[in-house]
Amino acid sequence: MKKNKFKLLRQGILYDVIGMSTAFIPGIGPFLDIFWAPYAAKKMSDMYEGNTGKVAAAIVFLEEILPFTDFIPTFTLMWIYTFVFATAPKQTVQTIEVEVNE
């Protein structure tokens, strides 16, 4: 991934705050989600490439369009998945041969 991971984190937190803020606008907040959901999905797919980006875009679209789910920080969770869990070093089994002299 060519993008700076901390820039992606800052961007993701900003998008999460924008997505959450629509829940606090009385009356028109839920209607703003109709416009925000496709935009957020597009931004998610731009930020993260490949199939994981596509899946995350679908998840963020559903999270933003469904009522009462605006509090979920989807962009931040995707960053944590990408840079903490998916990049964790894989454990490999190493065989050590030992000779015993009798």
C-alpha atoms as a PDB file:
ATOM      1  CA  MET A   1       0.000   0.000   0.000  1.00  0.00           C
ATOM      2  CA  LYS A   2       1.570   3.255  -1.122  1.00  0.00           C
ATOM      3  CA  LYS A   3      -0.364   5.533   1.226  1.00  0.00           C
ATOM      4  CA  ASN A   4       0.967   6.592   4.609  1.00  0.00           C
ATOM      5  CA  LYS A   5      -0.803   4.506   7.234  1.00  0.00           C
ATOM      6  CA  PHE A   6      -1.120   7.383   9.718  1.00  0.00           C
ATOM      7  CA  LYS A   7      -2.582   9.633   7.041  1.00  0.00           C
ATOM      8  CA  LEU A   8      -5.177   6.910   6.423  1.00  0.00           C
ATOM      9  CA  LEU A   9      -5.897   6.796  10.156  1.00  0.00           C
ATOM     10  CA  ARG A  10      -6.424  10.570  10.362  1.00  0.00           C
ATOM     11  CA  GLN A  11      -8.617  10.469   7.270  1.00  0.00           C
ATOM     12  CA  GLY A  12     -10.620   7.557   8.668  1.00  0.00           C
ATOM     13  CA  ILE A  13     -11.195   9.253  12.014  1.00  0.00           C
ATOM     14  CA  LEU A  14     -12.395  12.370  10.192  1.00  0.00           C
ATOM     15  CA  TYR A  15     -14.863  10.340   8.107  1.00  0.00           C
ATOM     16  CA  ASP A  16     -16.065   8.508  11.234  1.00  0.00           C
ATOM     17  CA  VAL A  17     -16.690  11.826  12.999  1.00  0.00           C
ATOM     18  CA  ILE A  18     -18.614  13.145   9.985  1.00  0.00           C
ATOM     19  CA  GLY A  19     -20.676   9.952   9.829  1.00  0.00           C
ATOM     20  CA  MET A  20     -21.433  10.082  13.547  1.00  0.00           C
ATOM     21  CA  SER A  21     -22.316  13.766  13.483  1.00  0.00           C
ATOM     22  CA  THR A  22     -25.352  13.182  11.292  1.00  0.00           C
ATOM     23  CA  ALA A  23     -26.940  11.262  14.163  1.00  0.00           C
ATOM     24  CA  PHE A  24     -26.902  14.402  16.307  1.00  0.00           C
ATOM     25  CA  ILE A  25     -28.709  16.666  13.840  1.00  0.00           C
ATOM     26  CA  PRO A  26     -32.394  16.526  14.800  1.00  0.00           C
ATOM     27  CA  GLY A  27     -34.848  15.969  12.003  1.00  0.00           C
ATOM     28  CA  ILE A  28     -32.610  16.019   8.933  1.00  0.00           C
ATOM     29  CA  GLY A  29     -29.730  13.883  10.233  1.00  0.00           C
ATOM     30  CA  PRO A  30     -31.104  10.553   8.994  1.00  0.00           C
ATOM     31  CA  PHE A  31     -31.828  12.065   5.589  1.00  0.00           C
ATOM     32  CA  LEU A  32     -28.233  13.263   5.295  1.00  0.00           C
ATOM     33  CA  ASP A  33     -27.163   9.618   5.608  1.00  0.00           C
ATOM     34  CA  ILE A  34     -28.801   8.966   2.237  1.00  0.00           C
ATOM     35  CA  PHE A  35     -26.133  11.179   0.681  1.00  0.00           C
ATOM     36  CA  TRP A  36     -23.312  10.326   3.060  1.00  0.00           C
ATOM     37  CA  ALA A  37     -23.549   6.515   2.736  1.00  0.00           C
ATOM     38  CA  PRO A  38     -22.558   6.242  -0.961  1.00  0.00           C
ATOM     39  CA  TYR A  39     -19.856   8.907  -0.523  1.00  0.00           C
ATOM     40  CA  ALA A  40     -18.403   7.072   2.486  1.00  0.00           C
ATOM     41  CA  ALA A  41     -18.436   3.782   0.582  1.00  0.00           C
ATOM     42  CA  LYS A  42     -16.572   5.381  -2.325  1.00  0.00           C
ATOM     43  CA  LYS A  43     -13.983   6.879   0.021  1.00  0.00           C
ATOM     44  CA  MET A  44     -13.494   3.510   1.756  1.00  0.00           C
ATOM     45  CA  SER A  45     -12.874   1.751  -1.558  1.00  0.00           C
ATOM     46  CA  ASP A  46     -10.422   4.502  -2.541  1.00  0.00           C
ATOM     47  CA  MET A  47      -8.536   4.220   0.745  1.00  0.00           C
ATOM     48  CA  TYR A  48      -8.199   0.415   0.765  1.00  0.00           C
ATOM     49  CA  GLU A  49      -7.496  -1.555  -2.389  1.00  0.00           C
ATOM     50  CA  GLY A  50      -8.615  -4.987  -3.492  1.00  0.00           C
ATOM     51  CA  ASN A  51     -11.345  -7.217  -2.148  1.00  0.00           C
ATOM     52  CA  THR A  52     -10.942  -6.002   1.430  1.00  0.00           C
ATOM     53  CA  GLY A  53     -11.639  -2.460   0.258  1.00  0.00           C
ATOM     54  CA  LYS A  54     -14.742  -3.596  -1.607  1.00  0.00           C
ATOM     55  CA  VAL A  55     -16.058  -5.536   1.376  1.00  0.00           C
ATOM     56  CA  ALA A  56     -15.312  -2.617   3.703  1.00  0.00           C
ATOM     57  CA  ALA A  57     -17.101  -0.253   1.306  1.00  0.00           C
ATOM     58  CA  ALA A  58     -20.210  -2.433   1.399  1.00  0.00           C
ATOM     59  CA  ILE A  59     -20.059  -2.607   5.197  1.00  0.00           C
ATOM     60  CA  VAL A  60     -19.642   1.153   5.606  1.00  0.00           C
ATOM     61  CA  PHE A  61     -22.515   1.752   3.182  1.00  0.00           C
ATOM     62  CA  LEU A  62     -24.827  -0.498   5.218  1.00  0.00           C
ATOM     63  CA  GLU A  63     -23.620   0.979   8.497  1.00  0.00           C
ATOM     64  CA  GLU A  64     -24.297   4.529   7.344  1.00  0.00           C
ATOM     65  CA  ILE A  65     -27.641   3.855   5.645  1.00  0.00           C
ATOM     66  CA  LEU A  66     -29.165   1.805   8.496  1.00  0.00           C
ATOM     67  CA  PRO A  67     -30.681   3.781  11.355  1.00  0.00           C
ATOM     68  CA  PHE A  68     -29.037   3.800  14.801  1.00  0.00           C
ATOM     69  CA  THR A  69     -25.702   2.410  13.562  1.00  0.00           C
ATOM     70  CA  ASP A  70     -23.882   5.708  13.054  1.00  0.00           C
ATOM     71  CA  PHE A  71     -21.877   5.279  16.246  1.00  0.00           C
ATOM     72  CA  ILE A  72     -19.788   2.410  14.782  1.00  0.00           C
ATOM     73  CA  PRO A  73     -16.335   3.731  13.727  1.00  0.00           C
ATOM     74  CA  THR A  74     -16.091   1.655  10.556  1.00  0.00           C
ATOM     75  CA  PHE A  75     -13.158   3.530   9.001  1.00  0.00           C
ATOM     76  CA  THR A  76     -11.098   3.247  12.183  1.00  0.00           C
ATOM     77  CA  LEU A  77     -11.951  -0.434  12.574  1.00  0.00           C
ATOM     78  CA  MET A  78     -10.847  -1.058   8.978  1.00  0.00           C
ATOM     79  CA  TRP A  79      -7.546   0.698   9.694  1.00  0.00           C
ATOM     80  CA  ILE A  80      -7.016  -1.474  12.778  1.00  0.00           C
ATOM     81  CA  TYR A  81      -7.819  -4.600  10.772  1.00  0.00           C
ATOM     82  CA  THR A  82      -5.464  -3.598   7.951  1.00  0.00           C
ATOM     83  CA  PHE A  83      -2.464  -2.378   9.923  1.00  0.00           C
ATOM     84  CA  VAL A  84      -2.685  -4.302  13.200  1.00  0.00           C
ATOM     85  CA  PHE A  85      -4.307  -7.688  12.626  1.00  0.00           C
ATOM     86  CA  ALA A  86      -3.665  -8.359   8.929  1.00  0.00           C
ATOM     87  CA  THR A  87       0.018  -7.388   9.128  1.00  0.00           C
ATOM     88  CA  ALA A  88       0.805  -9.342  12.278  1.00  0.00           C
ATOM     89  CA  PRO A  89       3.741 -11.687  11.720  1.00  0.00           C
ATOM     90  CA  LYS A  90       2.710 -15.234  10.992  1.00  0.00           C
ATOM     91  CA  GLN A  91       3.988 -17.913  13.335  1.00  0.00           C
ATOM     92  CA  THR A  92       6.070 -20.494  11.502  1.00  0.00           C
ATOM     93  CA  VAL A  93       7.058 -23.869  12.802  1.00  0.00           C
ATOM     94  CA  GLN A  94      10.781 -24.479  12.820  1.00  0.00           C
ATOM     95  CA  THR A  95      12.121 -28.003  13.113  1.00  0.00           C
ATOM     96  CA  ILE A  96      15.370 -28.479  15.000  1.00  0.00           C
ATOM     97  CA  GLU A  97      17.292 -31.674  14.426  1.00  0.00           C
ATOM     98  CA  VAL A  98      19.220 -33.000  17.413  1.00  0.00           C
ATOM     99  CA  GLU A  99      21.710 -35.838  17.449  1.00  0.00           C
ATOM    100  CA  VAL A 100      22.078 -37.813  20.649  1.00  0.00           C
ATOM    101  CA  ASN A 101      25.447 -39.506  21.300  1.00  0.00           C
ATOM    102  CA  GLU A 102      25.264 -42.628  23.397  1.00  0.00           C
END
